Amino acid sequence: MEHRVFVYGTLLRGEVNHHLLRTARFLGPHRTEPRFTLLVLGAYPGLVDGGETAVFGEVYGVDAAGLRRLDQLEDYPRLYDRRVIATPHGRAWVYLYRGPRRDRMRLADGDWRRHSRGAGLRSTAARRRRDPKNPSHRRRAAGGDQD
C-alpha cells in the first residue's frame, strides 16, 4: 500500500534528509492552505496547525517501510504527530510539531528551502549531535554508539 506524505523541510529534494525518500515516488509540489505556522527549530522546521501561512513542500508516495523510516526521523509520535491534509495528489500525511513553540522564529513565507539555503543549514543539520533528528543522537540516547 502506498502512503502519500507531504514534506516541507529537511526531506525536500536537495535537503539533508532527502535520501530517506530515494525509493519514494515523487508526486509533485504542493502549497498548503494558509492555516499553518512554520517554526524554525534550529537545523529543521516544525509545522504547527493554526496560523495564516501557506507552506511550500512536496508530496511523495512511500511504502510501509518508507513511512516507518519517516516516523523514526520525525520521532513520531513523541516529537511530531501525523495528520492528513488534502493535496492535489490526494490526501497525504503531514508531520506536525508537538514540542515547545515559545520564542521560536516563524517563517512567514512558508518556505524552508529558501531559509535553509540562506542560513547555510543543509550541512549542519547532518552534524548536530544534540539534534533529536540526528541518528547518532538517537543511538546515544538508546545506550548505543558513543562517537
Protein backbone atom coordinates (compact mmCIF):
# COMPACT_ATOMS: atom_id res chain seq x y z
CA MET A 1 0.00 0.00 0.00
CA GLU A 2 1.27 3.45 -0.88
CA HIS A 3 1.04 6.27 1.64
CA ARG A 4 1.21 9.87 0.48
CA VAL A 5 3.35 12.22 2.56
CA PHE A 6 3.69 16.00 2.32
CA VAL A 7 7.20 17.11 3.27
CA TYR A 8 8.22 20.71 3.94
CA GLY A 9 11.71 20.69 5.49
CA THR A 10 14.82 18.53 5.55
CA LEU A 11 13.11 15.84 3.44
CA LEU A 12 12.71 18.15 0.43
CA ARG A 13 14.77 17.50 -2.70
CA GLY A 14 18.27 18.87 -2.17
CA GLU A 15 17.95 18.91 1.63
CA VAL A 16 19.93 16.85 4.13
CA ASN A 17 17.38 14.07 4.81
CA HIS A 18 16.00 13.66 1.28
CA HIS A 19 17.95 10.38 0.95
CA LEU A 20 15.19 8.77 3.06
CA LEU A 21 12.87 9.28 0.09
CA ARG A 22 15.20 7.72 -2.51
CA THR A 23 12.75 4.85 -3.17
CA ALA A 24 9.65 7.05 -2.90
CA ARG A 25 7.56 8.18 -5.85
CA PHE A 26 7.64 11.96 -6.34
CA LEU A 27 4.06 13.11 -6.94
CA GLY A 28 4.66 16.84 -7.22
CA PRO A 29 4.92 20.15 -5.44
CA HIS A 30 2.21 21.47 -3.17
CA ARG A 31 1.44 24.64 -1.27
CA THR A 32 -0.90 24.13 1.69
CA GLU A 33 -3.91 26.17 2.60
CA PRO A 34 -2.89 29.26 4.62
CA ARG A 35 -3.70 27.69 8.01
CA PHE A 36 -0.32 26.75 9.46
CA THR A 37 2.68 28.26 11.24
CA LEU A 38 6.17 27.16 10.18
CA LEU A 39 8.69 27.37 13.01
CA VAL A 40 12.49 27.23 12.88
CA LEU A 41 13.72 24.61 15.35
CA GLY A 42 17.41 25.05 14.67
CA ALA A 43 18.52 22.89 11.76
CA TYR A 44 15.00 21.77 10.82
CA PRO A 45 11.46 23.19 10.78
CA GLY A 46 8.32 22.36 12.69
CA LEU A 47 4.86 22.83 11.25
CA VAL A 48 2.02 23.60 13.63
CA ASP A 49 -1.68 23.75 12.94
CA GLY A 50 -3.13 27.21 13.30
CA GLY A 51 -1.88 30.36 11.71
CA GLU A 52 -2.12 32.02 8.34
CA THR A 53 0.88 30.62 6.47
CA ALA A 54 0.67 28.60 3.25
CA VAL A 55 3.62 26.19 3.40
CA PHE A 56 5.61 25.08 0.35
CA GLY A 57 6.56 21.44 0.03
CA GLU A 58 6.45 18.25 -1.99
CA VAL A 59 4.24 15.18 -1.96
CA TYR A 60 5.69 11.67 -2.17
CA GLY A 61 4.26 8.18 -2.31
CA VAL A 62 6.02 5.86 0.15
CA ASP A 63 5.56 2.21 1.07
CA ALA A 64 5.02 1.00 4.64
CA ALA A 65 8.78 0.69 5.26
CA GLY A 66 9.31 4.22 3.95
CA LEU A 67 6.62 5.57 6.27
CA ARG A 68 8.29 3.80 9.22
CA ARG A 69 11.63 5.45 8.30
CA LEU A 70 9.95 8.85 8.22
CA ASP A 71 8.21 8.14 11.54
CA GLN A 72 11.61 7.35 13.06
CA LEU A 73 13.18 10.53 11.68
CA GLU A 74 10.30 12.65 12.95
CA ASP A 75 10.29 10.88 16.33
CA TYR A 76 6.61 10.10 15.81
CA PRO A 77 4.52 10.22 17.95
CA ARG A 78 6.66 11.93 20.61
CA LEU A 79 8.11 14.99 18.85
CA TYR A 80 5.79 15.07 15.83
CA ASP A 81 2.24 13.90 15.21
CA ARG A 82 0.86 12.81 11.85
CA ARG A 83 -2.30 14.28 10.36
CA VAL A 84 -3.92 14.06 6.95
CA ILE A 85 -4.24 17.09 4.67
CA ALA A 86 -5.76 17.48 1.22
CA THR A 87 -3.36 17.94 -1.69
CA PRO A 88 -3.86 17.94 -5.48
CA HIS A 89 -2.23 14.48 -5.36
CA GLY A 90 -4.76 13.10 -2.88
CA ARG A 91 -4.88 13.00 0.89
CA ALA A 92 -1.40 12.97 2.41
CA TRP A 93 0.18 12.64 5.81
CA VAL A 94 1.92 15.71 7.21
CA TYR A 95 4.08 15.77 10.33
CA LEU A 96 3.02 18.42 12.87
CA TYR A 97 5.40 19.56 15.59
CA ARG A 98 4.31 18.84 19.19
CA GLY A 99 7.16 20.49 21.10
CA PRO A 100 7.61 23.92 22.67
CA ARG A 101 6.70 26.86 20.47
CA ARG A 102 7.61 29.78 22.65
CA ASP A 103 10.37 32.05 21.34
CA ARG A 104 10.67 30.13 18.06
CA MET A 105 11.29 32.06 14.86
CA ARG A 106 8.44 31.84 12.36
CA LEU A 107 8.88 31.58 8.62
CA ALA A 108 6.14 33.87 7.35
CA ASP A 109 6.74 32.89 3.71
CA GLY A 110 6.34 29.15 4.50
CA ASP A 111 9.45 28.22 2.51
CA TRP A 112 12.01 26.14 4.45
CA ARG A 113 14.26 25.65 1.42
CA ARG A 114 14.74 29.39 0.98
CA HIS A 115 15.54 29.75 4.68
CA SER A 116 17.94 26.79 4.89
CA ARG A 117 19.93 27.87 1.85
CA GLY A 118 20.18 31.42 3.13
CA ALA A 119 21.19 30.26 6.60
CA GLY A 120 23.62 27.56 5.42
CA LEU A 121 21.77 24.84 7.37
CA ARG A 122 21.89 22.00 4.85
CA SER A 123 25.18 20.53 6.06
CA THR A 124 24.87 21.47 9.72
CA ALA A 125 21.64 19.52 10.08
CA ALA A 126 23.52 16.29 9.49
CA ARG A 127 26.20 17.04 12.08
CA ARG A 128 24.36 18.46 15.07
CA ARG A 129 24.86 15.99 17.92
CA ARG A 130 22.16 17.39 20.22
CA ASP A 131 19.54 17.39 17.47
CA PRO A 132 16.94 14.65 18.17
CA LYS A 133 16.68 14.05 14.42
CA ASN A 134 20.39 13.19 14.19
CA PRO A 135 20.81 9.38 14.01
CA SER A 136 23.95 9.45 16.21
CA HIS A 137 21.99 11.31 18.90
CA ARG A 138 19.30 8.61 18.87
CA ARG A 139 21.93 5.85 19.23
CA ARG A 140 23.50 7.57 22.24
CA ALA A 141 20.11 8.17 23.85
CA ALA A 142 19.35 4.45 23.48
CA GLY A 143 22.69 3.49 25.02
CA GLY A 144 24.36 2.68 21.70
CA ASP A 145 27.38 4.14 19.97
CA GLN A 146 29.12 6.93 21.87
CA ASP A 147 31.00 8.56 18.97
